[in-house]
Amino acid sequence: MVYKEADVARLRTIPVAGRRNKVDRSLLATPPGTDRSFAAFLKSLPDVLGARDLRAVIAGVAAAAHAGRGVVLLAGGHVVKTGLGPLINAWLARGIVTHLALNGAAAIHDFELAAYGGTSEDVESGLADGSFGMAEETGAEMNAAIAAAARAEQGMGEGLARSLAARGDLPGTDVSILLGALRHDVPVTVHTTIGAEIIHQHPAADGAALGATSFRDFRRLAGSLPALDQGGAVLNWGSAVVLPEVFLKALTIARNLDAGRPTHFLAADFDMQRHYRPRMNVVQRPTRAGGAGYLITGQHEVVIPMLVWGVVESLSP
């Protein structure tokens, strides 16, 4: 056996001065200085990769809000149960969000926080004896609100919000995003998946009411999307499947009705890990006709506060 070896003496090298670098000292992070404001913190981040993308999303959302364009927020259940509802309410109060879309889990966590002051049970221990998801009040009261919304020809989001509002003083009034959307006249929709929510386990669950109210919310979401055109923003926070699929179909309806619009908007997905549907259905496919797409990966409870604070800071006088 004869082994061949590369003749490294014949290698060609190039001068470092002639090489194109992706990183130079102008892009590096800066340590804390005398200015300890949040704006200074954002500016101190290195101008590379995720930090650069985060700043671009902050600038895009702030620009959309400043110009009066649509900012559609899609929020999954984990976002609510990790304590980020008050931050969403801060955006609602400032008129930044023009449509709030929740999956079923987000609506349940928010309803429980509003009505009972707590949420997020121990699934594993409850599954063992069949008690998981069987809280009497949650199932009875949410299903009653949804049935009433169906009779009133309301969407599920509107029906749940109005049901909470009618009850007066609640332990979580100030943190509820359902109530926050109602208080600030922002459309709120809930996009349920039959059989995937704990309230569907209860005897009071009415499939026809669930379908009618969530289907109406699907059409309401489609009706809000034209405001994204030419400078709006859509943000998906923590929904890996349901909301990206719903958004894609709602966007199809909006474009079908308006000669291919909306286009040229910002789309960003925020999640702990990257998933196929948010990447394709929110970030990439919708922006191929124009716009910008971003994937921000990190813990919701760390990254989303930076986004929220950054946008508020950008819009402050």
C-alpha atoms as a PDB file:
ATOM      1  CA  MET A   1       0.000   0.000   0.000  1.00  0.00           C
ATOM      2  CA  VAL A   2       1.341   3.428  -1.038  1.00  0.00           C
ATOM      3  CA  TYR A   3      -0.076   6.451   0.790  1.00  0.00           C
ATOM      4  CA  LYS A   4      -0.137   9.808  -0.950  1.00  0.00           C
ATOM      5  CA  GLU A   5       0.389  13.006   1.006  1.00  0.00           C
ATOM      6  CA  ALA A   6      -0.510  16.515  -0.079  1.00  0.00           C
ATOM      7  CA  ASP A   7       2.530  18.654  -0.845  1.00  0.00           C
ATOM      8  CA  VAL A   8       1.821  21.522   1.564  1.00  0.00           C
ATOM      9  CA  ALA A   9       5.003  23.280   0.464  1.00  0.00           C
ATOM     10  CA  ARG A  10       3.176  24.180  -2.744  1.00  0.00           C
ATOM     11  CA  LEU A  11       0.210  25.848  -1.004  1.00  0.00           C
ATOM     12  CA  ARG A  12      -0.611  29.414  -2.009  1.00  0.00           C
ATOM     13  CA  THR A  13      -1.359  31.925   0.726  1.00  0.00           C
ATOM     14  CA  ILE A  14      -2.882  35.401   0.526  1.00  0.00           C
ATOM     15  CA  PRO A  15      -2.165  38.586   2.466  1.00  0.00           C
ATOM     16  CA  VAL A  16      -4.586  39.208   5.330  1.00  0.00           C
ATOM     17  CA  ALA A  17      -5.010  42.785   4.106  1.00  0.00           C
ATOM     18  CA  GLY A  18      -6.637  41.472   0.965  1.00  0.00           C
ATOM     19  CA  ARG A  19      -9.070  39.170   2.742  1.00  0.00           C
ATOM     20  CA  ARG A  20     -12.691  40.192   3.294  1.00  0.00           C
ATOM     21  CA  ASN A  21     -13.598  39.915   6.988  1.00  0.00           C
ATOM     22  CA  LYS A  22     -17.103  39.483   8.369  1.00  0.00           C
ATOM     23  CA  VAL A  23     -16.128  40.932  11.746  1.00  0.00           C
ATOM     24  CA  ASP A  24     -14.053  43.976  12.600  1.00  0.00           C
ATOM     25  CA  ARG A  25     -13.718  45.947  15.802  1.00  0.00           C
ATOM     26  CA  SER A  26     -16.534  48.321  14.847  1.00  0.00           C
ATOM     27  CA  LEU A  27     -19.001  45.425  15.265  1.00  0.00           C
ATOM     28  CA  LEU A  28     -17.844  44.263  18.674  1.00  0.00           C
ATOM     29  CA  ALA A  29     -19.787  44.572  21.920  1.00  0.00           C
ATOM     30  CA  THR A  30     -18.964  47.405  24.263  1.00  0.00           C
ATOM     31  CA  PRO A  31     -18.767  46.993  28.042  1.00  0.00           C
ATOM     32  CA  PRO A  32     -21.030  48.958  30.407  1.00  0.00           C
ATOM     33  CA  GLY A  33     -20.190  52.645  30.610  1.00  0.00           C
ATOM     34  CA  THR A  34     -21.648  55.596  32.459  1.00  0.00           C
ATOM     35  CA  ASP A  35     -24.888  55.445  30.455  1.00  0.00           C
ATOM     36  CA  ARG A  36     -26.864  52.492  31.877  1.00  0.00           C
ATOM     37  CA  SER A  37     -30.111  53.137  29.985  1.00  0.00           C
ATOM     38  CA  PHE A  38     -31.835  50.386  28.021  1.00  0.00           C
ATOM     39  CA  ALA A  39     -31.062  52.226  24.786  1.00  0.00           C
ATOM     40  CA  ALA A  40     -27.379  52.152  25.710  1.00  0.00           C
ATOM     41  CA  PHE A  41     -27.629  48.432  26.475  1.00  0.00           C
ATOM     42  CA  LEU A  42     -29.096  47.690  23.035  1.00  0.00           C
ATOM     43  CA  LYS A  43     -26.442  49.809  21.370  1.00  0.00           C
ATOM     44  CA  SER A  44     -23.745  47.921  23.297  1.00  0.00           C
ATOM     45  CA  LEU A  45     -24.683  44.561  21.782  1.00  0.00           C
ATOM     46  CA  PRO A  46     -22.368  43.271  19.056  1.00  0.00           C
ATOM     47  CA  ASP A  47     -23.582  44.132  15.566  1.00  0.00           C
ATOM     48  CA  VAL A  48     -23.625  40.511  14.393  1.00  0.00           C
ATOM     49  CA  LEU A  49     -26.076  37.635  13.919  1.00  0.00           C
ATOM     50  CA  GLY A  50     -28.936  37.509  16.439  1.00  0.00           C
ATOM     51  CA  ALA A  51     -28.182  40.865  18.055  1.00  0.00           C
ATOM     52  CA  ARG A  52     -28.226  42.557  14.651  1.00  0.00           C
ATOM     53  CA  ASP A  53     -31.494  40.820  13.755  1.00  0.00           C
ATOM     54  CA  LEU A  54     -33.100  41.773  17.068  1.00  0.00           C
ATOM     55  CA  ARG A  55     -32.267  45.413  16.496  1.00  0.00           C
ATOM     56  CA  ALA A  56     -33.634  45.194  12.956  1.00  0.00           C
ATOM     57  CA  VAL A  57     -36.941  43.783  14.235  1.00  0.00           C
ATOM     58  CA  ILE A  58     -37.129  46.495  16.922  1.00  0.00           C
ATOM     59  CA  ALA A  59     -36.587  49.159  14.268  1.00  0.00           C
ATOM     60  CA  GLY A  60     -39.115  47.555  11.910  1.00  0.00           C
ATOM     61  CA  VAL A  61     -41.888  47.255  14.492  1.00  0.00           C
ATOM     62  CA  ALA A  62     -41.268  50.793  15.731  1.00  0.00           C
ATOM     63  CA  ALA A  63     -41.371  52.095  12.155  1.00  0.00           C
ATOM     64  CA  ALA A  64     -44.631  50.231  11.471  1.00  0.00           C
ATOM     65  CA  ALA A  65     -46.237  51.655  14.618  1.00  0.00           C
ATOM     66  CA  HIS A  66     -44.974  55.166  13.894  1.00  0.00           C
ATOM     67  CA  ALA A  67     -46.362  55.008  10.342  1.00  0.00           C
ATOM     68  CA  GLY A  68     -49.717  53.605  11.459  1.00  0.00           C
ATOM     69  CA  ARG A  69     -49.229  50.304   9.658  1.00  0.00           C
ATOM     70  CA  GLY A  70     -50.518  46.983  10.917  1.00  0.00           C
ATOM     71  CA  VAL A  71     -48.638  45.096  13.624  1.00  0.00           C
ATOM     72  CA  VAL A  72     -50.129  41.616  13.990  1.00  0.00           C
ATOM     73  CA  LEU A  73     -49.018  39.620  17.022  1.00  0.00           C
ATOM     74  CA  LEU A  74     -49.475  35.834  17.039  1.00  0.00           C
ATOM     75  CA  ALA A  75     -48.952  34.494  20.577  1.00  0.00           C
ATOM     76  CA  GLY A  76     -48.710  30.917  21.814  1.00  0.00           C
ATOM     77  CA  GLY A  77     -49.502  29.554  25.248  1.00  0.00           C
ATOM     78  CA  HIS A  78     -45.930  29.417  26.541  1.00  0.00           C
ATOM     79  CA  VAL A  79     -45.602  33.169  26.048  1.00  0.00           C
ATOM     80  CA  VAL A  80     -48.508  33.813  28.419  1.00  0.00           C
ATOM     81  CA  LYS A  81     -47.565  31.294  31.070  1.00  0.00           C
ATOM     82  CA  THR A  82     -43.979  32.568  31.259  1.00  0.00           C
ATOM     83  CA  GLY A  83     -45.315  35.915  32.417  1.00  0.00           C
ATOM     84  CA  LEU A  84     -45.195  38.096  29.298  1.00  0.00           C
ATOM     85  CA  GLY A  85     -48.833  39.211  29.243  1.00  0.00           C
ATOM     86  CA  PRO A  86     -48.091  42.573  30.923  1.00  0.00           C
ATOM     87  CA  LEU A  87     -45.590  43.352  28.158  1.00  0.00           C
ATOM     88  CA  ILE A  88     -48.187  42.635  25.486  1.00  0.00           C
ATOM     89  CA  ASN A  89     -50.556  44.924  27.382  1.00  0.00           C
ATOM     90  CA  ALA A  90     -47.930  47.674  27.302  1.00  0.00           C
ATOM     91  CA  TRP A  91     -47.896  47.436  23.499  1.00  0.00           C
ATOM     92  CA  LEU A  92     -51.696  47.330  23.359  1.00  0.00           C
ATOM     93  CA  ALA A  93     -51.915  50.461  25.492  1.00  0.00           C
ATOM     94  CA  ARG A  94     -49.531  52.314  23.191  1.00  0.00           C
ATOM     95  CA  GLY A  95     -51.431  51.311  20.055  1.00  0.00           C
ATOM     96  CA  ILE A  96     -48.513  49.285  18.708  1.00  0.00           C
ATOM     97  CA  VAL A  97     -50.427  46.028  18.177  1.00  0.00           C
ATOM     98  CA  THR A  98     -53.320  46.280  15.702  1.00  0.00           C
ATOM     99  CA  HIS A  99     -54.444  42.628  15.949  1.00  0.00           C
ATOM    100  CA  LEU A 100     -53.779  40.044  18.660  1.00  0.00           C
ATOM    101  CA  ALA A 101     -54.184  36.388  17.651  1.00  0.00           C
ATOM    102  CA  LEU A 102     -53.921  33.626  20.266  1.00  0.00           C
ATOM    103  CA  ASN A 103     -53.908  29.875  20.046  1.00  0.00           C
ATOM    104  CA  GLY A 104     -56.203  27.966  22.391  1.00  0.00           C
ATOM    105  CA  ALA A 105     -53.561  27.429  25.065  1.00  0.00           C
ATOM    106  CA  ALA A 106     -52.730  31.142  25.228  1.00  0.00           C
ATOM    107  CA  ALA A 107     -56.409  31.986  25.700  1.00  0.00           C
ATOM    108  CA  ILE A 108     -56.787  29.419  28.479  1.00  0.00           C
ATOM    109  CA  HIS A 109     -53.705  30.558  30.383  1.00  0.00           C
ATOM    110  CA  ASP A 110     -54.800  34.176  30.081  1.00  0.00           C
ATOM    111  CA  PHE A 111     -58.392  33.435  31.132  1.00  0.00           C
ATOM    112  CA  GLU A 112     -57.180  31.535  34.205  1.00  0.00           C
ATOM    113  CA  LEU A 113     -54.759  34.295  35.185  1.00  0.00           C
ATOM    114  CA  ALA A 114     -57.529  36.852  34.843  1.00  0.00           C
ATOM    115  CA  ALA A 115     -60.293  34.915  36.571  1.00  0.00           C
ATOM    116  CA  TYR A 116     -58.423  32.910  39.208  1.00  0.00           C
ATOM    117  CA  GLY A 117     -55.016  34.558  39.554  1.00  0.00           C
ATOM    118  CA  GLY A 118     -52.983  31.484  38.519  1.00  0.00           C
ATOM    119  CA  THR A 119     -52.412  29.007  35.701  1.00  0.00           C
ATOM    120  CA  SER A 120     -50.110  26.236  34.386  1.00  0.00           C
ATOM    121  CA  GLU A 121     -50.836  23.043  36.305  1.00  0.00           C
ATOM    122  CA  ASP A 122     -48.513  20.059  36.748  1.00  0.00           C
ATOM    123  CA  VAL A 123     -49.432  17.974  33.699  1.00  0.00           C
ATOM    124  CA  GLU A 124     -47.598  14.799  34.639  1.00  0.00           C
ATOM    125  CA  SER A 125     -49.096  14.371  38.085  1.00  0.00           C
ATOM    126  CA  GLY A 126     -52.583  15.192  36.831  1.00  0.00           C
ATOM    127  CA  LEU A 127     -52.294  12.813  33.897  1.00  0.00           C
ATOM    128  CA  ALA A 128     -51.628   9.880  36.203  1.00  0.00           C
ATOM    129  CA  ASP A 129     -55.061  10.019  37.828  1.00  0.00           C
ATOM    130  CA  GLY A 130     -57.018  11.698  35.028  1.00  0.00           C
ATOM    131  CA  SER A 131     -57.349  15.063  36.766  1.00  0.00           C
ATOM    132  CA  PHE A 132     -55.191  17.007  34.295  1.00  0.00           C
ATOM    133  CA  GLY A 133     -57.193  19.820  32.727  1.00  0.00           C
ATOM    134  CA  MET A 134     -60.278  19.007  34.750  1.00  0.00           C
ATOM    135  CA  ALA A 135     -60.555  22.216  36.779  1.00  0.00           C
ATOM    136  CA  GLU A 136     -64.310  22.711  37.072  1.00  0.00           C
ATOM    137  CA  GLU A 137     -64.376  26.499  36.817  1.00  0.00           C
ATOM    138  CA  THR A 138     -62.075  26.729  33.794  1.00  0.00           C
ATOM    139  CA  GLY A 139     -64.050  24.235  31.738  1.00  0.00           C
ATOM    140  CA  ALA A 140     -67.501  25.427  32.751  1.00  0.00           C
ATOM    141  CA  GLU A 141     -66.898  29.163  32.508  1.00  0.00           C
ATOM    142  CA  MET A 142     -64.864  29.226  29.319  1.00  0.00           C
ATOM    143  CA  ASN A 143     -67.257  26.902  27.512  1.00  0.00           C
ATOM    144  CA  ALA A 144     -70.216  28.979  28.694  1.00  0.00           C
ATOM    145  CA  ALA A 145     -68.535  32.127  27.356  1.00  0.00           C
ATOM    146  CA  ILE A 146     -67.843  30.449  24.012  1.00  0.00           C
ATOM    147  CA  ALA A 147     -71.419  29.188  23.719  1.00  0.00           C
ATOM    148  CA  ALA A 148     -72.726  32.686  24.473  1.00  0.00           C
ATOM    149  CA  ALA A 149     -70.357  34.136  21.864  1.00  0.00           C
ATOM    150  CA  ALA A 150     -71.665  31.697  19.270  1.00  0.00           C
ATOM    151  CA  ARG A 151     -75.259  32.733  20.001  1.00  0.00           C
ATOM    152  CA  ALA A 152     -74.273  36.402  19.736  1.00  0.00           C
ATOM    153  CA  GLU A 153     -72.349  35.786  16.483  1.00  0.00           C
ATOM    154  CA  GLN A 154     -69.102  36.889  18.085  1.00  0.00           C
ATOM    155  CA  GLY A 155     -65.630  35.462  17.705  1.00  0.00           C
ATOM    156  CA  MET A 156     -64.083  33.359  20.441  1.00  0.00           C
ATOM    157  CA  GLY A 157     -61.607  36.057  21.429  1.00  0.00           C
ATOM    158  CA  GLU A 158     -64.290  38.707  21.704  1.00  0.00           C
ATOM    159  CA  GLY A 159     -66.599  36.373  23.606  1.00  0.00           C
ATOM    160  CA  LEU A 160     -63.972  35.373  26.181  1.00  0.00           C
ATOM    161  CA  ALA A 161     -62.885  38.983  26.682  1.00  0.00           C
ATOM    162  CA  ARG A 162     -66.455  40.241  27.143  1.00  0.00           C
ATOM    163  CA  SER A 163     -67.232  37.404  29.534  1.00  0.00           C
ATOM    164  CA  LEU A 164     -64.294  38.376  31.746  1.00  0.00           C
ATOM    165  CA  ALA A 165     -65.160  42.071  31.547  1.00  0.00           C
ATOM    166  CA  ALA A 166     -68.736  41.392  32.662  1.00  0.00           C
ATOM    167  CA  ARG A 167     -67.509  39.802  35.876  1.00  0.00           C
ATOM    168  CA  GLY A 168     -66.101  43.025  37.263  1.00  0.00           C
ATOM    169  CA  ASP A 169     -63.226  42.856  39.717  1.00  0.00           C
ATOM    170  CA  LEU A 170     -60.981  39.857  39.074  1.00  0.00           C
ATOM    171  CA  PRO A 171     -57.578  38.910  40.544  1.00  0.00           C
ATOM    172  CA  GLY A 172     -55.831  39.252  37.178  1.00  0.00           C
ATOM    173  CA  THR A 173     -57.675  42.097  35.464  1.00  0.00           C
ATOM    174  CA  ASP A 174     -54.531  44.151  34.947  1.00  0.00           C
ATOM    175  CA  VAL A 175     -52.445  41.319  33.460  1.00  0.00           C
ATOM    176  CA  SER A 176     -55.004  39.777  31.085  1.00  0.00           C
ATOM    177  CA  ILE A 177     -54.313  40.328  27.398  1.00  0.00           C
ATOM    178  CA  LEU A 178     -57.883  39.372  26.505  1.00  0.00           C
ATOM    179  CA  LEU A 179     -59.076  42.228  28.678  1.00  0.00           C
ATOM    180  CA  GLY A 180     -56.239  44.453  27.511  1.00  0.00           C
ATOM    181  CA  ALA A 181     -57.268  44.030  23.884  1.00  0.00           C
ATOM    182  CA  LEU A 182     -60.906  44.761  24.746  1.00  0.00           C
ATOM    183  CA  ARG A 183     -59.924  47.796  26.822  1.00  0.00           C
ATOM    184  CA  HIS A 184     -57.867  49.300  24.007  1.00  0.00           C
ATOM    185  CA  ASP A 185     -60.185  48.371  21.118  1.00  0.00           C
ATOM    186  CA  VAL A 186     -57.723  45.962  19.520  1.00  0.00           C
ATOM    187  CA  PRO A 187     -59.224  42.933  17.719  1.00  0.00           C
ATOM    188  CA  VAL A 188     -58.380  39.726  19.589  1.00  0.00           C
ATOM    189  CA  THR A 189     -58.958  36.328  18.004  1.00  0.00           C
ATOM    190  CA  VAL A 190     -58.550  32.780  19.290  1.00  0.00           C
ATOM    191  CA  HIS A 191     -57.647  29.954  16.924  1.00  0.00           C
ATOM    192  CA  THR A 192     -58.480  26.681  18.585  1.00  0.00           C
ATOM    193  CA  THR A 193     -57.645  23.098  17.647  1.00  0.00           C
ATOM    194  CA  ILE A 194     -60.494  20.731  18.461  1.00  0.00           C
ATOM    195  CA  GLY A 195     -59.322  18.162  20.994  1.00  0.00           C
ATOM    196  CA  ALA A 196     -56.073  19.951  21.798  1.00  0.00           C
ATOM    197  CA  GLU A 197     -57.330  22.223  24.606  1.00  0.00           C
ATOM    198  CA  ILE A 198     -58.176  21.203  28.166  1.00  0.00           C
ATOM    199  CA  ILE A 199     -61.605  22.841  27.988  1.00  0.00           C
ATOM    200  CA  HIS A 200     -62.584  20.369  25.244  1.00  0.00           C
ATOM    201  CA  GLN A 201     -62.365  17.563  27.825  1.00  0.00           C
ATOM    202  CA  HIS A 202     -65.299  18.974  29.781  1.00  0.00           C
ATOM    203  CA  PRO A 203     -68.966  17.944  29.468  1.00  0.00           C
ATOM    204  CA  ALA A 204     -69.906  21.558  28.722  1.00  0.00           C
ATOM    205  CA  ALA A 205     -67.775  21.706  25.564  1.00  0.00           C
ATOM    206  CA  ASP A 206     -69.886  22.440  22.480  1.00  0.00           C
ATOM    207  CA  GLY A 207     -68.133  21.526  19.249  1.00  0.00           C
ATOM    208  CA  ALA A 208     -70.473  23.645  17.153  1.00  0.00           C
ATOM    209  CA  ALA A 209     -69.832  26.723  19.302  1.00  0.00           C
ATOM    210  CA  LEU A 210     -66.075  26.126  19.299  1.00  0.00           C
ATOM    211  CA  GLY A 211     -66.068  25.784  15.533  1.00  0.00           C
ATOM    212  CA  ALA A 212     -68.349  28.741  14.830  1.00  0.00           C
ATOM    213  CA  THR A 213     -66.473  31.209  17.050  1.00  0.00           C
ATOM    214  CA  SER A 214     -62.975  30.175  16.058  1.00  0.00           C
ATOM    215  CA  PHE A 215     -63.959  30.101  12.364  1.00  0.00           C
ATOM    216  CA  ARG A 216     -65.308  33.634  12.690  1.00  0.00           C
ATOM    217  CA  ASP A 217     -61.982  34.605  14.257  1.00  0.00           C
ATOM    218  CA  PHE A 218     -60.151  33.108  11.279  1.00  0.00           C
ATOM    219  CA  ARG A 219     -62.065  35.418   8.968  1.00  0.00           C
ATOM    220  CA  ARG A 220     -61.474  38.346  11.309  1.00  0.00           C
ATOM    221  CA  LEU A 221     -57.737  37.711  11.218  1.00  0.00           C
ATOM    222  CA  ALA A 222     -57.853  37.649   7.416  1.00  0.00           C
ATOM    223  CA  GLY A 223     -59.726  40.949   7.551  1.00  0.00           C
ATOM    224  CA  SER A 224     -56.939  42.567   9.599  1.00  0.00           C
ATOM    225  CA  LEU A 225     -54.032  41.527   7.377  1.00  0.00           C
ATOM    226  CA  PRO A 226     -54.409  44.185   4.629  1.00  0.00           C
ATOM    227  CA  ALA A 227     -52.998  46.686   7.156  1.00  0.00           C
ATOM    228  CA  LEU A 228     -49.636  44.894   6.869  1.00  0.00           C
ATOM    229  CA  ASP A 229     -49.119  46.156   3.317  1.00  0.00           C
ATOM    230  CA  GLN A 230     -46.078  48.354   2.684  1.00  0.00           C
ATOM    231  CA  GLY A 231     -44.418  48.583   6.047  1.00  0.00           C
ATOM    232  CA  GLY A 232     -46.394  46.542   8.577  1.00  0.00           C
ATOM    233  CA  ALA A 233     -45.093  43.730  10.777  1.00  0.00           C
ATOM    234  CA  VAL A 234     -46.236  40.266  11.799  1.00  0.00           C
ATOM    235  CA  LEU A 235     -44.642  38.626  14.831  1.00  0.00           C
ATOM    236  CA  ASN A 236     -45.046  34.994  15.814  1.00  0.00           C
ATOM    237  CA  TRP A 237     -44.228  34.426  19.469  1.00  0.00           C
ATOM    238  CA  GLY A 238     -43.996  30.785  20.419  1.00  0.00           C
ATOM    239  CA  SER A 239     -46.558  29.018  18.243  1.00  0.00           C
ATOM    240  CA  ALA A 240     -44.866  26.162  16.397  1.00  0.00           C
ATOM    241  CA  VAL A 241     -47.817  24.868  14.383  1.00  0.00           C
ATOM    242  CA  VAL A 242     -51.308  26.321  14.800  1.00  0.00           C
ATOM    243  CA  LEU A 243     -50.827  30.054  14.332  1.00  0.00           C
ATOM    244  CA  PRO A 244     -48.300  29.785  11.462  1.00  0.00           C
ATOM    245  CA  GLU A 245     -50.756  27.548   9.596  1.00  0.00           C
ATOM    246  CA  VAL A 246     -53.707  29.829  10.323  1.00  0.00           C
ATOM    247  CA  PHE A 247     -51.724  32.927   9.334  1.00  0.00           C
ATOM    248  CA  LEU A 248     -50.709  31.424   5.982  1.00  0.00           C
ATOM    249  CA  LYS A 249     -54.322  30.651   5.044  1.00  0.00           C
ATOM    250  CA  ALA A 250     -55.579  34.021   6.287  1.00  0.00           C
ATOM    251  CA  LEU A 251     -52.856  35.737   4.234  1.00  0.00           C
ATOM    252  CA  THR A 252     -53.982  33.791   1.177  1.00  0.00           C
ATOM    253  CA  ILE A 253     -57.530  35.101   1.628  1.00  0.00           C
ATOM    254  CA  ALA A 254     -56.289  38.682   2.049  1.00  0.00           C
ATOM    255  CA  ARG A 255     -54.134  38.472  -1.076  1.00  0.00           C
ATOM    256  CA  ASN A 256     -56.879  36.782  -3.072  1.00  0.00           C
ATOM    257  CA  LEU A 257     -59.238  39.650  -2.279  1.00  0.00           C
ATOM    258  CA  ASP A 258     -56.730  42.442  -2.938  1.00  0.00           C
ATOM    259  CA  ALA A 259     -54.702  41.594  -6.046  1.00  0.00           C
ATOM    260  CA  GLY A 260     -51.813  39.954  -4.209  1.00  0.00           C
ATOM    261  CA  ARG A 261     -51.551  42.402  -1.315  1.00  0.00           C
ATOM    262  CA  PRO A 262     -50.398  42.736   1.444  1.00  0.00           C
ATOM    263  CA  THR A 263     -46.685  42.563   0.627  1.00  0.00           C
ATOM    264  CA  HIS A 264     -43.489  44.296   1.743  1.00  0.00           C
ATOM    265  CA  PHE A 265     -43.882  43.799   5.475  1.00  0.00           C
ATOM    266  CA  LEU A 266     -41.581  42.559   8.215  1.00  0.00           C
ATOM    267  CA  ALA A 267     -42.088  39.010   9.525  1.00  0.00           C
ATOM    268  CA  ALA A 268     -40.314  37.615  12.574  1.00  0.00           C
ATOM    269  CA  ASP A 269     -40.508  34.404  14.562  1.00  0.00           C
ATOM    270  CA  PHE A 270     -39.464  34.284  18.217  1.00  0.00           C
ATOM    271  CA  ASP A 271     -39.060  30.844  19.769  1.00  0.00           C
ATOM    272  CA  MET A 272     -36.781  28.726  21.928  1.00  0.00           C
ATOM    273  CA  GLN A 273     -35.902  26.548  18.944  1.00  0.00           C
ATOM    274  CA  ARG A 274     -36.461  26.811  15.226  1.00  0.00           C
ATOM    275  CA  HIS A 275     -39.450  25.035  13.723  1.00  0.00           C
ATOM    276  CA  TYR A 276     -40.393  24.365  10.121  1.00  0.00           C
ATOM    277  CA  ARG A 277     -43.828  25.998   9.999  1.00  0.00           C
ATOM    278  CA  PRO A 278     -42.962  29.370  11.530  1.00  0.00           C
ATOM    279  CA  ARG A 279     -39.889  29.580   9.318  1.00  0.00           C
ATOM    280  CA  MET A 280     -41.770  28.774   6.128  1.00  0.00           C
ATOM    281  CA  ASN A 281     -45.308  30.055   6.785  1.00  0.00           C
ATOM    282  CA  VAL A 282     -44.529  33.274   8.646  1.00  0.00           C
ATOM    283  CA  VAL A 283     -40.968  34.311   7.816  1.00  0.00           C
ATOM    284  CA  GLN A 284     -39.983  33.038   4.364  1.00  0.00           C
ATOM    285  CA  ARG A 285     -42.967  32.434   2.084  1.00  0.00           C
ATOM    286  CA  PRO A 286     -44.936  35.590   2.972  1.00  0.00           C
ATOM    287  CA  THR A 287     -41.935  37.878   2.406  1.00  0.00           C
ATOM    288  CA  ARG A 288     -40.753  36.500  -0.949  1.00  0.00           C
ATOM    289  CA  ALA A 289     -42.925  39.067  -2.696  1.00  0.00           C
ATOM    290  CA  GLY A 290     -41.117  41.784  -0.733  1.00  0.00           C
ATOM    291  CA  GLY A 291     -40.258  42.515   2.858  1.00  0.00           C
ATOM    292  CA  ALA A 292     -37.829  41.127   5.406  1.00  0.00           C
ATOM    293  CA  GLY A 293     -37.899  37.970   7.520  1.00  0.00           C
ATOM    294  CA  TYR A 294     -36.108  37.161  10.763  1.00  0.00           C
ATOM    295  CA  LEU A 295     -35.729  34.125  13.024  1.00  0.00           C
ATOM    296  CA  ILE A 296     -34.877  35.062  16.617  1.00  0.00           C
ATOM    297  CA  THR A 297     -34.009  32.062  18.774  1.00  0.00           C
ATOM    298  CA  GLY A 298     -33.946  32.253  22.565  1.00  0.00           C
ATOM    299  CA  GLN A 299     -35.954  31.880  25.759  1.00  0.00           C
ATOM    300  CA  HIS A 300     -39.208  33.837  25.512  1.00  0.00           C
ATOM    301  CA  GLU A 301     -38.834  35.272  28.981  1.00  0.00           C
ATOM    302  CA  VAL A 302     -35.435  36.755  28.082  1.00  0.00           C
ATOM    303  CA  VAL A 303     -35.637  37.766  24.416  1.00  0.00           C
ATOM    304  CA  ILE A 304     -39.197  39.106  24.177  1.00  0.00           C
ATOM    305  CA  PRO A 305     -38.744  41.661  26.991  1.00  0.00           C
ATOM    306  CA  MET A 306     -35.757  43.049  25.069  1.00  0.00           C
ATOM    307  CA  LEU A 307     -37.914  43.389  21.962  1.00  0.00           C
ATOM    308  CA  VAL A 308     -40.776  45.049  23.846  1.00  0.00           C
ATOM    309  CA  TRP A 309     -38.519  47.449  25.726  1.00  0.00           C
ATOM    310  CA  GLY A 310     -36.611  48.248  22.561  1.00  0.00           C
ATOM    311  CA  VAL A 311     -39.728  49.188  20.612  1.00  0.00           C
ATOM    312  CA  VAL A 312     -41.086  51.300  23.465  1.00  0.00           C
ATOM    313  CA  GLU A 313     -37.712  53.019  23.764  1.00  0.00           C
ATOM    314  CA  SER A 314     -37.660  53.706  20.017  1.00  0.00           C
ATOM    315  CA  LEU A 315     -41.114  55.278  20.098  1.00  0.00           C
ATOM    316  CA  SER A 316     -40.468  57.397  23.190  1.00  0.00           C
ATOM    317  CA  PRO A 317     -39.971  61.146  22.631  1.00  0.00           C
END
